C-alpha atoms as a PDB file:
ATOM      1  CA  MET A   1       0.000   0.000   0.000  1.00  0.00           C
ATOM      2  CA  ARG A   2       2.770   2.379   0.969  1.00  0.00           C
ATOM      3  CA  VAL A   3       4.789   1.472  -2.133  1.00  0.00           C
ATOM      4  CA  ALA A   4       1.800   2.127  -4.381  1.00  0.00           C
ATOM      5  CA  ALA A   5       1.260   5.534  -2.764  1.00  0.00           C
ATOM      6  CA  LEU A   6       4.928   6.427  -3.244  1.00  0.00           C
ATOM      7  CA  LEU A   7       4.739   5.402  -6.899  1.00  0.00           C
ATOM      8  CA  MET A   8       1.550   7.403  -7.499  1.00  0.00           C
ATOM      9  CA  LEU A   9       2.852  10.601  -5.864  1.00  0.00           C
ATOM     10  CA  PRO A  10       5.252  11.603  -8.703  1.00  0.00           C
ATOM     11  CA  VAL A  11       2.604  10.723 -11.288  1.00  0.00           C
ATOM     12  CA  LEU A  12       0.060  13.022  -9.648  1.00  0.00           C
ATOM     13  CA  VAL A  13       2.588  15.834  -9.219  1.00  0.00           C
ATOM     14  CA  LEU A  14       3.643  15.672 -12.867  1.00  0.00           C
ATOM     15  CA  ALA A  15       0.043  15.494 -14.077  1.00  0.00           C
ATOM     16  CA  GLY A  16      -0.514  19.016 -12.748  1.00  0.00           C
ATOM     17  CA  CYS A  17       2.365  20.343 -14.874  1.00  0.00           C
ATOM     18  CA  GLY A  18       0.830  19.368 -18.196  1.00  0.00           C
ATOM     19  CA  GLU A  19      -1.550  22.301 -18.736  1.00  0.00           C
ATOM     20  CA  ARG A  20      -2.187  23.128 -22.365  1.00  0.00           C
ATOM     21  CA  PRO A  21      -2.234  26.731 -23.653  1.00  0.00           C
ATOM     22  CA  GLN A  22      -5.712  28.270 -23.614  1.00  0.00           C
ATOM     23  CA  GLU A  23      -5.377  30.937 -26.324  1.00  0.00           C
ATOM     24  CA  LEU A  24      -7.819  31.099 -29.197  1.00  0.00           C
ATOM     25  CA  ALA A  25      -6.693  29.459 -32.417  1.00  0.00           C
ATOM     26  CA  HIS A  26      -7.733  32.517 -34.428  1.00  0.00           C
ATOM     27  CA  SER A  27      -8.924  35.973 -33.538  1.00  0.00           C
ATOM     28  CA  LYS A  28     -12.490  37.120 -34.011  1.00  0.00           C
ATOM     29  CA  LYS A  29     -13.139  39.379 -36.969  1.00  0.00           C
ATOM     30  CA  ASP A  30     -14.563  42.820 -36.164  1.00  0.00           C
ATOM     31  CA  SER A  31     -17.979  42.977 -37.794  1.00  0.00           C
ATOM     32  CA  GLY A  32     -18.430  46.728 -37.456  1.00  0.00           C
ATOM     33  CA  PRO A  33     -20.541  48.863 -35.139  1.00  0.00           C
ATOM     34  CA  ALA A  34     -23.309  47.051 -33.278  1.00  0.00           C
ATOM     35  CA  TRP A  35     -25.989  49.438 -34.495  1.00  0.00           C
ATOM     36  CA  GLN A  36     -25.428  48.435 -38.136  1.00  0.00           C
ATOM     37  CA  GLY A  37     -26.740  44.939 -37.406  1.00  0.00           C
ATOM     38  CA  ALA A  38     -28.453  42.492 -39.711  1.00  0.00           C
ATOM     39  CA  ALA A  39     -31.816  43.141 -41.300  1.00  0.00           C
ATOM     40  CA  ASN A  40     -33.699  39.926 -40.548  1.00  0.00           C
ATOM     41  CA  GLU A  41     -36.826  38.757 -38.736  1.00  0.00           C
ATOM     42  CA  PHE A  42     -35.077  38.575 -35.347  1.00  0.00           C
ATOM     43  CA  ILE A  43     -34.687  42.323 -34.795  1.00  0.00           C
ATOM     44  CA  ALA A  44     -36.657  44.208 -32.146  1.00  0.00           C
ATOM     45  CA  PRO A  45     -39.756  46.043 -33.342  1.00  0.00           C
ATOM     46  CA  GLY A  46     -39.045  49.732 -33.885  1.00  0.00           C
ATOM     47  CA  TRP A  47     -35.359  49.292 -34.614  1.00  0.00           C
ATOM     48  CA  LYS A  48     -34.061  50.061 -38.086  1.00  0.00           C
ATOM     49  CA  ALA A  49     -30.803  48.419 -39.158  1.00  0.00           C
ATOM     50  CA  GLY A  50     -28.116  51.056 -39.700  1.00  0.00           C
ATOM     51  CA  ASP A  51     -29.843  53.791 -37.642  1.00  0.00           C
ATOM     52  CA  GLU A  52     -27.677  54.677 -34.659  1.00  0.00           C
ATOM     53  CA  GLN A  53     -30.324  56.788 -32.890  1.00  0.00           C
ATOM     54  CA  SER A  54     -32.927  54.009 -33.031  1.00  0.00           C
ATOM     55  CA  TRP A  55     -30.259  51.605 -31.704  1.00  0.00           C
ATOM     56  CA  GLU A  56     -29.640  53.915 -28.751  1.00  0.00           C
ATOM     57  CA  ARG A  57     -33.392  54.212 -28.074  1.00  0.00           C
ATOM     58  CA  GLN A  58     -33.772  50.410 -28.161  1.00  0.00           C
ATOM     59  CA  MET A  59     -30.828  49.946 -25.782  1.00  0.00           C
ATOM     60  CA  GLN A  60     -32.282  52.555 -23.387  1.00  0.00           C
ATOM     61  CA  ALA A  61     -35.711  50.864 -23.513  1.00  0.00           C
ATOM     62  CA  ARG A  62     -34.105  47.466 -22.874  1.00  0.00           C
ATOM     63  CA  ALA A  63     -32.180  48.825 -19.896  1.00  0.00           C
ATOM     64  CA  GLN A  64     -35.347  50.366 -18.457  1.00  0.00           C
ATOM     65  CA  ASN A  65     -37.225  47.072 -18.898  1.00  0.00           C
ATOM     66  CA  GLN A  66     -34.525  45.375 -16.809  1.00  0.00           C
ATOM     67  CA  ASN A  67     -34.610  48.069 -14.101  1.00  0.00           C
ATOM     68  CA  GLU A  68     -35.760  46.332 -10.906  1.00  0.00           C
ATOM     69  CA  TYR A  69     -36.970  49.573  -9.333  1.00  0.00           C
ATOM     70  CA  LEU A  70     -39.400  50.162 -12.185  1.00  0.00           C
ATOM     71  CA  ARG A  71     -40.453  46.506 -12.376  1.00  0.00           C
ATOM     72  CA  THR A  72     -41.402  46.383  -8.699  1.00  0.00           C
ATOM     73  CA  GLY A  73     -43.271  49.683  -8.708  1.00  0.00           C
ATOM     74  CA  GLY A  74     -40.569  51.791  -7.044  1.00  0.00           C
ATOM     75  CA  ALA A  75     -39.074  54.969  -8.437  1.00  0.00           C
ATOM     76  CA  ALA A  76     -35.701  54.920 -10.191  1.00  0.00           C
ATOM     77  CA  ARG A  77     -33.239  57.360  -8.647  1.00  0.00           C
END
């Protein structure tokens, strides 16, 4: 039992030294500004692809919909 433990100890210690690199194989391509977006059926109603002001309005509306103070009936400060 003791011999088996002594033989396993170096194996376990060396197993921790074998970490592989975790970098991405290739970098992600920049697809442009977020507000340009794709014109498809999955866009939010009221948003026009390529219109930066409507993008900002949609992002503001989304943030307000996630505001817990407004959702629970309290006042946002």
